[in-house]
Amino acid sequence: MNPLEHSVFQRVFGEIMTLLIALEFNHTLHYVITGERGIIHTKMVILIAELAIARKIIVTDLFQLPATSTLALATLVLALGVTYWLMRERNDGSFRQEP
């Protein structure tokens, strides 16, 4: 196991990303169980989905995937990024109109 090999690096980094996804999921469940937040916030779910797609992109050899699968991953990343950005804008209050 040479850590400088591309496949080994992909595997190790994929495991680290899996750990980050599990930690974020645990953090989300902590809020729900303790009652600090009554519902799971959409931003947390979007963040977990973004982490999962980033992991998928890292561990997958994109040159061996069909072009349609690569395009689908890119579309998912873009859609989740725009959705997260819109949720951020909504929480910042920049959509409020002054009387």
N, C-alpha and C. Protein backbone atom coordinates (compact mmCIF):
# COMPACT_ATOMS: atom_id res chain seq x y z
N MET A 1 0.84 -1.19 0.00
CA MET A 1 0.00 0.00 0.00
C MET A 1 0.88 1.24 0.00
N ASN A 2 1.15 1.73 -1.16
CA ASN A 2 1.90 2.96 -1.32
C ASN A 2 0.91 4.13 -1.33
N PRO A 3 0.99 5.04 -0.37
CA PRO A 3 0.02 6.13 -0.32
C PRO A 3 0.14 7.10 -1.49
N LEU A 4 1.19 6.98 -2.27
CA LEU A 4 1.35 7.86 -3.42
C LEU A 4 0.64 7.33 -4.67
N GLU A 5 0.19 6.08 -4.63
CA GLU A 5 -0.57 5.54 -5.75
C GLU A 5 -1.95 6.17 -5.79
N HIS A 6 -2.41 6.43 -7.00
CA HIS A 6 -3.68 7.12 -7.17
C HIS A 6 -4.85 6.33 -6.58
N SER A 7 -4.90 5.04 -6.82
CA SER A 7 -6.03 4.23 -6.33
C SER A 7 -6.04 4.15 -4.81
N VAL A 8 -4.86 4.07 -4.20
CA VAL A 8 -4.78 4.03 -2.73
C VAL A 8 -5.22 5.36 -2.16
N PHE A 9 -4.77 6.45 -2.76
CA PHE A 9 -5.16 7.78 -2.30
C PHE A 9 -6.67 7.96 -2.41
N GLN A 10 -7.26 7.51 -3.53
CA GLN A 10 -8.71 7.61 -3.70
C GLN A 10 -9.44 6.83 -2.62
N ARG A 11 -8.99 5.64 -2.33
CA ARG A 11 -9.64 4.80 -1.33
C ARG A 11 -9.56 5.43 0.06
N VAL A 12 -8.37 5.90 0.44
CA VAL A 12 -8.19 6.50 1.76
C VAL A 12 -9.00 7.79 1.89
N PHE A 13 -8.94 8.63 0.87
CA PHE A 13 -9.70 9.88 0.92
C PHE A 13 -11.20 9.60 0.91
N GLY A 14 -11.63 8.56 0.20
CA GLY A 14 -13.04 8.17 0.22
C GLY A 14 -13.48 7.75 1.61
N GLU A 15 -12.62 7.03 2.33
CA GLU A 15 -12.95 6.64 3.70
C GLU A 15 -13.03 7.84 4.63
N ILE A 16 -12.14 8.81 4.43
CA ILE A 16 -12.20 10.04 5.22
C ILE A 16 -13.50 10.79 4.95
N MET A 17 -13.89 10.86 3.68
CA MET A 17 -15.15 11.52 3.33
C MET A 17 -16.35 10.78 3.93
N THR A 18 -16.29 9.45 3.94
CA THR A 18 -17.37 8.67 4.57
C THR A 18 -17.46 9.01 6.05
N LEU A 19 -16.34 9.16 6.70
CA LEU A 19 -16.33 9.54 8.11
C LEU A 19 -16.94 10.93 8.31
N LEU A 20 -16.60 11.88 7.43
CA LEU A 20 -17.18 13.22 7.53
C LEU A 20 -18.69 13.20 7.34
N ILE A 21 -19.16 12.38 6.40
CA ILE A 21 -20.60 12.26 6.17
C ILE A 21 -21.29 11.69 7.40
N ALA A 22 -20.68 10.66 7.99
CA ALA A 22 -21.26 10.06 9.20
C ALA A 22 -21.28 11.04 10.36
N LEU A 23 -20.22 11.83 10.51
CA LEU A 23 -20.18 12.82 11.58
C LEU A 23 -21.24 13.90 11.39
N GLU A 24 -21.42 14.35 10.17
CA GLU A 24 -22.44 15.37 9.89
C GLU A 24 -23.84 14.80 10.12
N PHE A 25 -24.05 13.55 9.73
CA PHE A 25 -25.33 12.90 9.97
C PHE A 25 -25.58 12.76 11.46
N ASN A 26 -24.55 12.39 12.23
CA ASN A 26 -24.66 12.28 13.68
C ASN A 26 -24.99 13.64 14.30
N HIS A 27 -24.36 14.69 13.80
CA HIS A 27 -24.62 16.04 14.28
C HIS A 27 -26.08 16.44 14.03
N THR A 28 -26.59 16.08 12.86
CA THR A 28 -27.98 16.38 12.52
C THR A 28 -28.93 15.62 13.44
N LEU A 29 -28.66 14.34 13.66
CA LEU A 29 -29.52 13.55 14.55
C LEU A 29 -29.46 14.05 15.99
N HIS A 30 -28.31 14.56 16.41
CA HIS A 30 -28.17 15.11 17.76
C HIS A 30 -29.15 16.26 17.97
N TYR A 31 -29.27 17.14 16.97
CA TYR A 31 -30.21 18.25 17.09
C TYR A 31 -31.65 17.76 17.21
N VAL A 32 -31.99 16.73 16.46
CA VAL A 32 -33.36 16.22 16.47
C VAL A 32 -33.66 15.52 17.79
N ILE A 33 -32.74 14.68 18.27
CA ILE A 33 -32.98 13.91 19.49
C ILE A 33 -33.04 14.80 20.72
N THR A 34 -32.14 15.78 20.81
CA THR A 34 -32.13 16.64 21.99
C THR A 34 -33.26 17.67 21.97
N GLY A 35 -33.91 17.81 20.87
CA GLY A 35 -35.04 18.74 20.79
C GLY A 35 -34.62 20.18 20.59
N GLU A 36 -33.33 20.42 20.32
CA GLU A 36 -32.89 21.79 20.07
C GLU A 36 -33.56 22.34 18.81
N ARG A 37 -33.76 21.47 17.88
CA ARG A 37 -34.48 21.85 16.66
C ARG A 37 -35.51 20.76 16.40
N GLY A 38 -36.73 21.16 16.20
CA GLY A 38 -37.81 20.20 16.08
C GLY A 38 -37.80 19.39 14.80
N ILE A 39 -37.29 19.97 13.75
CA ILE A 39 -37.26 19.27 12.47
C ILE A 39 -35.83 19.29 11.94
N ILE A 40 -35.57 18.42 11.01
CA ILE A 40 -34.27 18.41 10.35
C ILE A 40 -34.27 19.55 9.34
N HIS A 41 -33.32 20.43 9.47
CA HIS A 41 -33.27 21.58 8.57
C HIS A 41 -32.81 21.16 7.19
N THR A 42 -33.38 21.79 6.21
CA THR A 42 -33.09 21.48 4.82
C THR A 42 -31.62 21.71 4.50
N LYS A 43 -31.03 22.75 5.07
CA LYS A 43 -29.62 23.04 4.79
C LYS A 43 -28.71 21.90 5.23
N MET A 44 -29.04 21.27 6.35
CA MET A 44 -28.21 20.16 6.83
C MET A 44 -28.31 18.96 5.88
N VAL A 45 -29.50 18.69 5.40
CA VAL A 45 -29.69 17.58 4.47
C VAL A 45 -28.96 17.85 3.15
N ILE A 46 -29.03 19.10 2.68
CA ILE A 46 -28.33 19.47 1.45
C ILE A 46 -26.82 19.35 1.63
N LEU A 47 -26.32 19.75 2.80
CA LEU A 47 -24.90 19.64 3.07
C LEU A 47 -24.44 18.18 3.07
N ILE A 48 -25.22 17.30 3.67
CA ILE A 48 -24.88 15.88 3.67
C ILE A 48 -24.90 15.32 2.24
N ALA A 49 -25.88 15.75 1.45
CA ALA A 49 -25.95 15.30 0.06
C ALA A 49 -24.75 15.80 -0.74
N GLU A 50 -24.33 17.05 -0.50
CA GLU A 50 -23.16 17.58 -1.19
C GLU A 50 -21.89 16.79 -0.82
N LEU A 51 -21.76 16.46 0.45
CA LEU A 51 -20.61 15.66 0.88
C LEU A 51 -20.63 14.28 0.23
N ALA A 52 -21.81 13.68 0.14
CA ALA A 52 -21.92 12.35 -0.47
C ALA A 52 -21.57 12.39 -1.96
N ILE A 53 -22.01 13.41 -2.65
CA ILE A 53 -21.69 13.52 -4.07
C ILE A 53 -20.21 13.82 -4.27
N ALA A 54 -19.64 14.66 -3.39
CA ALA A 54 -18.20 14.93 -3.48
C ALA A 54 -17.41 13.64 -3.27
N ARG A 55 -17.84 12.81 -2.33
CA ARG A 55 -17.18 11.53 -2.11
C ARG A 55 -17.29 10.65 -3.35
N LYS A 56 -18.47 10.62 -3.95
CA LYS A 56 -18.68 9.81 -5.15
C LYS A 56 -17.75 10.25 -6.27
N ILE A 57 -17.58 11.55 -6.43
CA ILE A 57 -16.72 12.07 -7.48
C ILE A 57 -15.26 11.72 -7.20
N ILE A 58 -14.86 11.76 -5.93
CA ILE A 58 -13.48 11.47 -5.58
C ILE A 58 -13.13 10.00 -5.77
N VAL A 59 -14.01 9.09 -5.36
CA VAL A 59 -13.68 7.67 -5.41
C VAL A 59 -13.95 7.05 -6.78
N THR A 60 -14.67 7.73 -7.64
CA THR A 60 -14.99 7.19 -8.96
C THR A 60 -13.98 7.68 -9.98
N ASP A 61 -13.57 6.79 -10.86
CA ASP A 61 -12.72 7.19 -11.97
C ASP A 61 -13.64 7.75 -13.06
N LEU A 62 -13.67 9.06 -13.17
CA LEU A 62 -14.61 9.71 -14.08
C LEU A 62 -14.33 9.41 -15.54
N PHE A 63 -13.11 8.98 -15.85
CA PHE A 63 -12.78 8.66 -17.25
C PHE A 63 -13.38 7.32 -17.67
N GLN A 64 -13.75 6.48 -16.71
CA GLN A 64 -14.36 5.19 -17.04
C GLN A 64 -15.88 5.25 -17.02
N LEU A 65 -16.46 6.34 -16.53
CA LEU A 65 -17.91 6.49 -16.51
C LEU A 65 -18.41 6.96 -17.87
N PRO A 66 -19.63 6.59 -18.21
CA PRO A 66 -20.21 7.17 -19.43
C PRO A 66 -20.40 8.67 -19.26
N ALA A 67 -20.43 9.37 -20.36
CA ALA A 67 -20.57 10.83 -20.31
C ALA A 67 -21.87 11.26 -19.65
N THR A 68 -22.91 10.47 -19.80
CA THR A 68 -24.20 10.83 -19.19
C THR A 68 -24.13 10.77 -17.67
N SER A 69 -23.39 9.82 -17.13
CA SER A 69 -23.24 9.73 -15.67
C SER A 69 -22.44 10.91 -15.13
N THR A 70 -21.40 11.28 -15.85
CA THR A 70 -20.60 12.43 -15.44
C THR A 70 -21.43 13.71 -15.50
N LEU A 71 -22.23 13.84 -16.55
CA LEU A 71 -23.11 15.00 -16.68
C LEU A 71 -24.16 15.01 -15.56
N ALA A 72 -24.67 13.84 -15.19
CA ALA A 72 -25.65 13.77 -14.11
C ALA A 72 -25.03 14.18 -12.77
N LEU A 73 -23.81 13.74 -12.50
CA LEU A 73 -23.13 14.15 -11.27
C LEU A 73 -22.90 15.66 -11.25
N ALA A 74 -22.48 16.21 -12.38
CA ALA A 74 -22.25 17.65 -12.46
C ALA A 74 -23.54 18.43 -12.25
N THR A 75 -24.64 17.92 -12.81
CA THR A 75 -25.93 18.58 -12.64
C THR A 75 -26.38 18.53 -11.19
N LEU A 76 -26.17 17.39 -10.53
CA LEU A 76 -26.52 17.28 -9.11
C LEU A 76 -25.72 18.25 -8.25
N VAL A 77 -24.42 18.35 -8.52
CA VAL A 77 -23.59 19.28 -7.76
C VAL A 77 -24.07 20.71 -7.96
N LEU A 78 -24.35 21.07 -9.19
CA LEU A 78 -24.82 22.42 -9.48
C LEU A 78 -26.17 22.70 -8.82
N ALA A 79 -27.10 21.75 -8.93
CA ALA A 79 -28.43 21.94 -8.34
C ALA A 79 -28.37 22.07 -6.82
N LEU A 80 -27.57 21.21 -6.17
CA LEU A 80 -27.44 21.30 -4.72
C LEU A 80 -26.73 22.57 -4.30
N GLY A 81 -25.74 22.99 -5.06
CA GLY A 81 -25.04 24.24 -4.75
C GLY A 81 -25.95 25.45 -4.85
N VAL A 82 -26.74 25.50 -5.90
CA VAL A 82 -27.68 26.61 -6.07
C VAL A 82 -28.73 26.58 -4.96
N THR A 83 -29.23 25.40 -4.63
CA THR A 83 -30.22 25.29 -3.57
C THR A 83 -29.65 25.73 -2.23
N TYR A 84 -28.44 25.32 -1.92
CA TYR A 84 -27.80 25.74 -0.67
C TYR A 84 -27.59 27.26 -0.66
N TRP A 85 -27.18 27.82 -1.79
CA TRP A 85 -26.98 29.26 -1.89
C TRP A 85 -28.31 30.00 -1.69
N LEU A 86 -29.37 29.50 -2.28
CA LEU A 86 -30.68 30.13 -2.10
C LEU A 86 -31.15 30.04 -0.65
N MET A 87 -30.86 28.93 0.01
CA MET A 87 -31.23 28.80 1.42
C MET A 87 -30.41 29.78 2.27
N ARG A 88 -29.17 29.99 1.93
CA ARG A 88 -28.33 30.95 2.64
C ARG A 88 -28.87 32.36 2.46
N GLU A 89 -29.25 32.69 1.25
CA GLU A 89 -29.82 34.01 0.98
C GLU A 89 -31.11 34.22 1.76
N ARG A 90 -31.89 33.19 1.87
CA ARG A 90 -33.16 33.28 2.59
C ARG A 90 -32.91 33.53 4.07
N ASN A 91 -31.91 32.89 4.65
CA ASN A 91 -31.62 33.07 6.06
C ASN A 91 -30.95 34.40 6.35
N ASP A 92 -30.24 34.95 5.39
CA ASP A 92 -29.58 36.24 5.60
C ASP A 92 -30.57 37.39 5.62
N GLY A 93 -31.76 37.15 5.09
CA GLY A 93 -32.77 38.20 5.06
C GLY A 93 -32.65 39.12 3.88
N SER A 94 -31.87 38.74 2.89
CA SER A 94 -31.68 39.63 1.75
C SER A 94 -32.89 39.64 0.81
N PHE A 95 -33.85 38.74 1.05
CA PHE A 95 -35.06 38.76 0.22
C PHE A 95 -36.16 39.59 0.85
N ARG A 96 -35.92 40.10 2.06
CA ARG A 96 -36.93 40.93 2.71
C ARG A 96 -37.02 42.29 2.03
N GLN A 97 -38.23 42.75 1.90
CA GLN A 97 -38.42 44.07 1.32
C GLN A 97 -38.72 45.05 2.45
N GLU A 98 -38.06 46.18 2.38
CA GLU A 98 -38.27 47.19 3.41
C GLU A 98 -39.56 47.94 3.11
N PRO A 99 -40.35 48.28 4.15
CA PRO A 99 -41.60 49.02 3.92
C PRO A 99 -41.37 50.46 3.56
